[in-house]
Amino acid sequence: MEIRFTNKAGKRYIFDPFRKKEVPATPEELVRQYFCRYLVDECGYPMVSIVNERGVEVNGQSLRCDTLVVRQGKPVALVEYKAPEVEITQKVFEQVARYNLVFGVPYLFVSNGRQTYACRYDAGAASWSYLQTIPTWDLL
């Protein structure tokens, strides 16, 4: 999938094919774009399954999750991105877990472009486990 950049008024933008618009090319946004393209190009996720900047209300507060992955209209994964210089900490996992209170997905992914973590919920054990890789579409 091609990556397109433009410059407007001295600012760099990247085209987000999932939202079908140009967005500022911040470090976090670049992580999002490369990760989403990885999901499509390498993991076989259909483009229509990826929803960027999905609004969510958590405890009466309006928030946005970075990426929601849906399959047949049902949420199956949440992704949280950070800029490459931002360390992935427990606080980042807590952030994506708060969003999951609403969506109840079985997969959580977190990436800063340098480090990527994937977790899967085991309903039988009522616990999360880390995965070695991001699951392909056919394994979701």
C-alpha atoms as a PDB file:
ATOM      1  CA  MET A   1       0.000   0.000   0.000  1.00  0.00           C
ATOM      2  CA  GLU A   2       1.436   3.333  -1.066  1.00  0.00           C
ATOM      3  CA  ILE A   3       2.264   6.021   1.499  1.00  0.00           C
ATOM      4  CA  ARG A   4       1.567   9.582   0.346  1.00  0.00           C
ATOM      5  CA  PHE A   5       2.879  12.720   2.005  1.00  0.00           C
ATOM      6  CA  THR A   6       2.027  16.328   1.215  1.00  0.00           C
ATOM      7  CA  ASN A   7       3.077  19.686   2.613  1.00  0.00           C
ATOM      8  CA  LYS A   8       0.573  22.424   3.410  1.00  0.00           C
ATOM      9  CA  ALA A   9       1.503  25.765   4.934  1.00  0.00           C
ATOM     10  CA  GLY A  10       4.840  24.368   6.073  1.00  0.00           C
ATOM     11  CA  LYS A  11       3.310  21.295   7.757  1.00  0.00           C
ATOM     12  CA  ARG A  12       3.728  17.705   6.644  1.00  0.00           C
ATOM     13  CA  TYR A  13       0.607  15.563   6.128  1.00  0.00           C
ATOM     14  CA  ILE A  14       0.068  11.880   5.404  1.00  0.00           C
ATOM     15  CA  PHE A  15      -2.948  10.440   3.614  1.00  0.00           C
ATOM     16  CA  ASP A  16      -4.902   8.027   5.820  1.00  0.00           C
ATOM     17  CA  PRO A  17      -6.628   5.614   3.409  1.00  0.00           C
ATOM     18  CA  PHE A  18      -8.781   4.255   6.229  1.00  0.00           C
ATOM     19  CA  ARG A  19     -10.273   7.648   7.129  1.00  0.00           C
ATOM     20  CA  LYS A  20      -9.892   8.776   3.511  1.00  0.00           C
ATOM     21  CA  LYS A  21      -8.290  12.093   4.414  1.00  0.00           C
ATOM     22  CA  GLU A  22      -4.969  13.792   4.984  1.00  0.00           C
ATOM     23  CA  VAL A  23      -3.891  14.093   8.605  1.00  0.00           C
ATOM     24  CA  PRO A  24      -0.877  15.780  10.227  1.00  0.00           C
ATOM     25  CA  ALA A  25       2.157  13.486  10.028  1.00  0.00           C
ATOM     26  CA  THR A  26       2.935  13.490  13.753  1.00  0.00           C
ATOM     27  CA  PRO A  27       5.284  10.790  15.067  1.00  0.00           C
ATOM     28  CA  GLU A  28       2.331   8.891  16.585  1.00  0.00           C
ATOM     29  CA  GLU A  29       0.366   9.174  13.341  1.00  0.00           C
ATOM     30  CA  LEU A  30       3.279   7.715  11.387  1.00  0.00           C
ATOM     31  CA  VAL A  31       3.319   4.735  13.763  1.00  0.00           C
ATOM     32  CA  ARG A  32      -0.438   4.311  13.165  1.00  0.00           C
ATOM     33  CA  GLN A  33      -0.124   4.470   9.387  1.00  0.00           C
ATOM     34  CA  TYR A  34       2.760   2.007   9.184  1.00  0.00           C
ATOM     35  CA  PHE A  35       1.082  -0.377  11.645  1.00  0.00           C
ATOM     36  CA  CYS A  36      -2.256  -0.306   9.805  1.00  0.00           C
ATOM     37  CA  ARG A  37      -0.484  -0.958   6.524  1.00  0.00           C
ATOM     38  CA  TYR A  38       1.313  -3.878   8.194  1.00  0.00           C
ATOM     39  CA  LEU A  39      -2.059  -5.291   9.273  1.00  0.00           C
ATOM     40  CA  VAL A  40      -3.339  -5.070   5.691  1.00  0.00           C
ATOM     41  CA  ASP A  41      -0.203  -5.967   3.712  1.00  0.00           C
ATOM     42  CA  GLU A  42       1.371  -8.594   5.973  1.00  0.00           C
ATOM     43  CA  CYS A  43      -1.457  -9.923   8.161  1.00  0.00           C
ATOM     44  CA  GLY A  44      -4.266  -9.951   5.589  1.00  0.00           C
ATOM     45  CA  TYR A  45      -6.673  -7.623   7.392  1.00  0.00           C
ATOM     46  CA  PRO A  46      -9.240  -6.117   5.004  1.00  0.00           C
ATOM     47  CA  MET A  47      -9.026  -2.324   4.834  1.00  0.00           C
ATOM     48  CA  VAL A  48     -12.698  -2.057   5.774  1.00  0.00           C
ATOM     49  CA  SER A  49     -11.976  -3.829   9.073  1.00  0.00           C
ATOM     50  CA  ILE A  50      -9.754  -0.982  10.324  1.00  0.00           C
ATOM     51  CA  VAL A  51     -11.405   2.014  11.983  1.00  0.00           C
ATOM     52  CA  ASN A  52      -9.027   4.807  13.024  1.00  0.00           C
ATOM     53  CA  GLU A  53      -9.838   7.353  15.745  1.00  0.00           C
ATOM     54  CA  ARG A  54     -13.037   5.628  16.889  1.00  0.00           C
ATOM     55  CA  GLY A  55     -14.985   7.609  19.460  1.00  0.00           C
ATOM     56  CA  VAL A  56     -15.761   5.859  22.725  1.00  0.00           C
ATOM     57  CA  GLU A  57     -17.380   6.935  25.977  1.00  0.00           C
ATOM     58  CA  VAL A  58     -15.708   5.620  29.126  1.00  0.00           C
ATOM     59  CA  ASN A  59     -17.230   6.493  32.511  1.00  0.00           C
ATOM     60  CA  GLY A  60     -19.079   9.438  30.991  1.00  0.00           C
ATOM     61  CA  GLN A  61     -15.955  10.808  29.324  1.00  0.00           C
ATOM     62  CA  SER A  62     -15.730  11.087  25.518  1.00  0.00           C
ATOM     63  CA  LEU A  63     -12.452   9.589  24.281  1.00  0.00           C
ATOM     64  CA  ARG A  64     -11.016   8.163  21.068  1.00  0.00           C
ATOM     65  CA  CYS A  65      -9.336   4.827  20.702  1.00  0.00           C
ATOM     66  CA  ASP A  66      -6.529   4.864  18.156  1.00  0.00           C
ATOM     67  CA  THR A  67      -7.661   1.895  16.057  1.00  0.00           C
ATOM     68  CA  LEU A  68     -10.544  -0.521  16.345  1.00  0.00           C
ATOM     69  CA  VAL A  69     -10.523  -3.697  14.241  1.00  0.00           C
ATOM     70  CA  VAL A  70     -13.938  -5.110  13.392  1.00  0.00           C
ATOM     71  CA  ARG A  71     -14.983  -8.382  11.838  1.00  0.00           C
ATOM     72  CA  GLN A  72     -18.523  -8.686  10.466  1.00  0.00           C
ATOM     73  CA  GLY A  73     -19.427  -5.540  12.412  1.00  0.00           C
ATOM     74  CA  LYS A  74     -18.138  -6.936  15.717  1.00  0.00           C
ATOM     75  CA  PRO A  75     -15.085  -5.404  17.461  1.00  0.00           C
ATOM     76  CA  VAL A  76     -12.236  -7.939  17.687  1.00  0.00           C
ATOM     77  CA  ALA A  77      -9.094  -5.890  18.460  1.00  0.00           C
ATOM     78  CA  LEU A  78      -8.004  -2.528  19.842  1.00  0.00           C
ATOM     79  CA  VAL A  79      -4.711  -0.857  19.017  1.00  0.00           C
ATOM     80  CA  GLU A  80      -2.994   1.916  20.991  1.00  0.00           C
ATOM     81  CA  TYR A  81      -0.115   3.852  19.436  1.00  0.00           C
ATOM     82  CA  LYS A  82       2.587   6.000  20.940  1.00  0.00           C
ATOM     83  CA  ALA A  83       5.325   8.019  19.296  1.00  0.00           C
ATOM     84  CA  PRO A  84       8.642   6.138  18.940  1.00  0.00           C
ATOM     85  CA  GLU A  85      10.243   8.098  21.789  1.00  0.00           C
ATOM     86  CA  VAL A  86       7.413   7.209  24.203  1.00  0.00           C
ATOM     87  CA  GLU A  87       8.115   4.141  26.306  1.00  0.00           C
ATOM     88  CA  ILE A  88       5.476   1.418  26.426  1.00  0.00           C
ATOM     89  CA  THR A  89       4.565   1.160  30.109  1.00  0.00           C
ATOM     90  CA  GLN A  90       1.847  -0.391  32.234  1.00  0.00           C
ATOM     91  CA  LYS A  91       0.023   2.929  31.979  1.00  0.00           C
ATOM     92  CA  VAL A  92      -0.323   2.452  28.196  1.00  0.00           C
ATOM     93  CA  PHE A  93      -1.837  -1.001  28.722  1.00  0.00           C
ATOM     94  CA  GLU A  94      -4.222   0.449  31.312  1.00  0.00           C
ATOM     95  CA  GLN A  95      -5.308   3.074  28.773  1.00  0.00           C
ATOM     96  CA  VAL A  96      -6.220   0.512  26.107  1.00  0.00           C
ATOM     97  CA  ALA A  97      -7.813  -1.721  28.778  1.00  0.00           C
ATOM     98  CA  ARG A  98     -10.142   1.178  29.745  1.00  0.00           C
ATOM     99  CA  TYR A  99     -11.326   1.376  26.143  1.00  0.00           C
ATOM    100  CA  ASN A 100     -11.871  -2.349  26.221  1.00  0.00           C
ATOM    101  CA  LEU A 101     -14.372  -1.958  29.058  1.00  0.00           C
ATOM    102  CA  VAL A 102     -16.663  -0.674  26.299  1.00  0.00           C
ATOM    103  CA  PHE A 103     -15.685  -2.908  23.373  1.00  0.00           C
ATOM    104  CA  GLY A 104     -14.829  -6.215  25.089  1.00  0.00           C
ATOM    105  CA  VAL A 105     -12.428  -7.365  22.364  1.00  0.00           C
ATOM    106  CA  PRO A 106     -10.290 -10.492  22.707  1.00  0.00           C
ATOM    107  CA  TYR A 107      -7.124  -8.836  21.285  1.00  0.00           C
ATOM    108  CA  LEU A 108      -5.143  -5.768  22.365  1.00  0.00           C
ATOM    109  CA  PHE A 109      -2.115  -4.432  20.454  1.00  0.00           C
ATOM    110  CA  VAL A 110       0.224  -1.650  21.577  1.00  0.00           C
ATOM    111  CA  SER A 111       3.015  -0.158  19.468  1.00  0.00           C
ATOM    112  CA  ASN A 112       5.424   2.761  19.390  1.00  0.00           C
ATOM    113  CA  GLY A 113       6.958   1.608  16.112  1.00  0.00           C
ATOM    114  CA  ARG A 114      10.022   0.240  17.890  1.00  0.00           C
ATOM    115  CA  GLN A 115       8.230  -2.115  20.257  1.00  0.00           C
ATOM    116  CA  THR A 116       4.954  -3.890  19.615  1.00  0.00           C
ATOM    117  CA  TYR A 117       2.988  -6.021  22.055  1.00  0.00           C
ATOM    118  CA  ALA A 118      -0.007  -8.229  21.400  1.00  0.00           C
ATOM    119  CA  CYS A 119      -2.282  -9.736  24.045  1.00  0.00           C
ATOM    120  CA  ARG A 120      -5.169 -12.174  23.841  1.00  0.00           C
ATOM    121  CA  TYR A 121      -7.935 -12.671  26.357  1.00  0.00           C
ATOM    122  CA  ASP A 122      -8.587 -16.253  27.430  1.00  0.00           C
ATOM    123  CA  ALA A 123     -12.208 -16.287  28.595  1.00  0.00           C
ATOM    124  CA  GLY A 124     -11.848 -19.762  30.137  1.00  0.00           C
ATOM    125  CA  ALA A 125      -8.996 -18.628  32.379  1.00  0.00           C
ATOM    126  CA  ALA A 126     -10.309 -15.050  32.633  1.00  0.00           C
ATOM    127  CA  SER A 127      -6.800 -13.751  31.951  1.00  0.00           C
ATOM    128  CA  TRP A 128      -4.675 -12.014  29.333  1.00  0.00           C
ATOM    129  CA  SER A 129      -1.606 -13.594  27.770  1.00  0.00           C
ATOM    130  CA  TYR A 130       1.092 -12.069  25.581  1.00  0.00           C
ATOM    131  CA  LEU A 131       1.448 -13.323  22.026  1.00  0.00           C
ATOM    132  CA  GLN A 132       4.697 -13.695  20.097  1.00  0.00           C
ATOM    133  CA  THR A 133       3.271 -12.013  16.978  1.00  0.00           C
ATOM    134  CA  ILE A 134       0.284 -10.067  15.733  1.00  0.00           C
ATOM    135  CA  PRO A 135      -2.295 -12.651  14.644  1.00  0.00           C
ATOM    136  CA  THR A 136      -3.164 -12.810  10.982  1.00  0.00           C
ATOM    137  CA  TRP A 137      -6.738 -12.073   9.914  1.00  0.00           C
ATOM    138  CA  ASP A 138      -7.616 -15.765   9.597  1.00  0.00           C
ATOM    139  CA  LEU A 139      -6.604 -16.344  13.247  1.00  0.00           C
ATOM    140  CA  LEU A 140      -8.707 -13.518  14.729  1.00  0.00           C
END
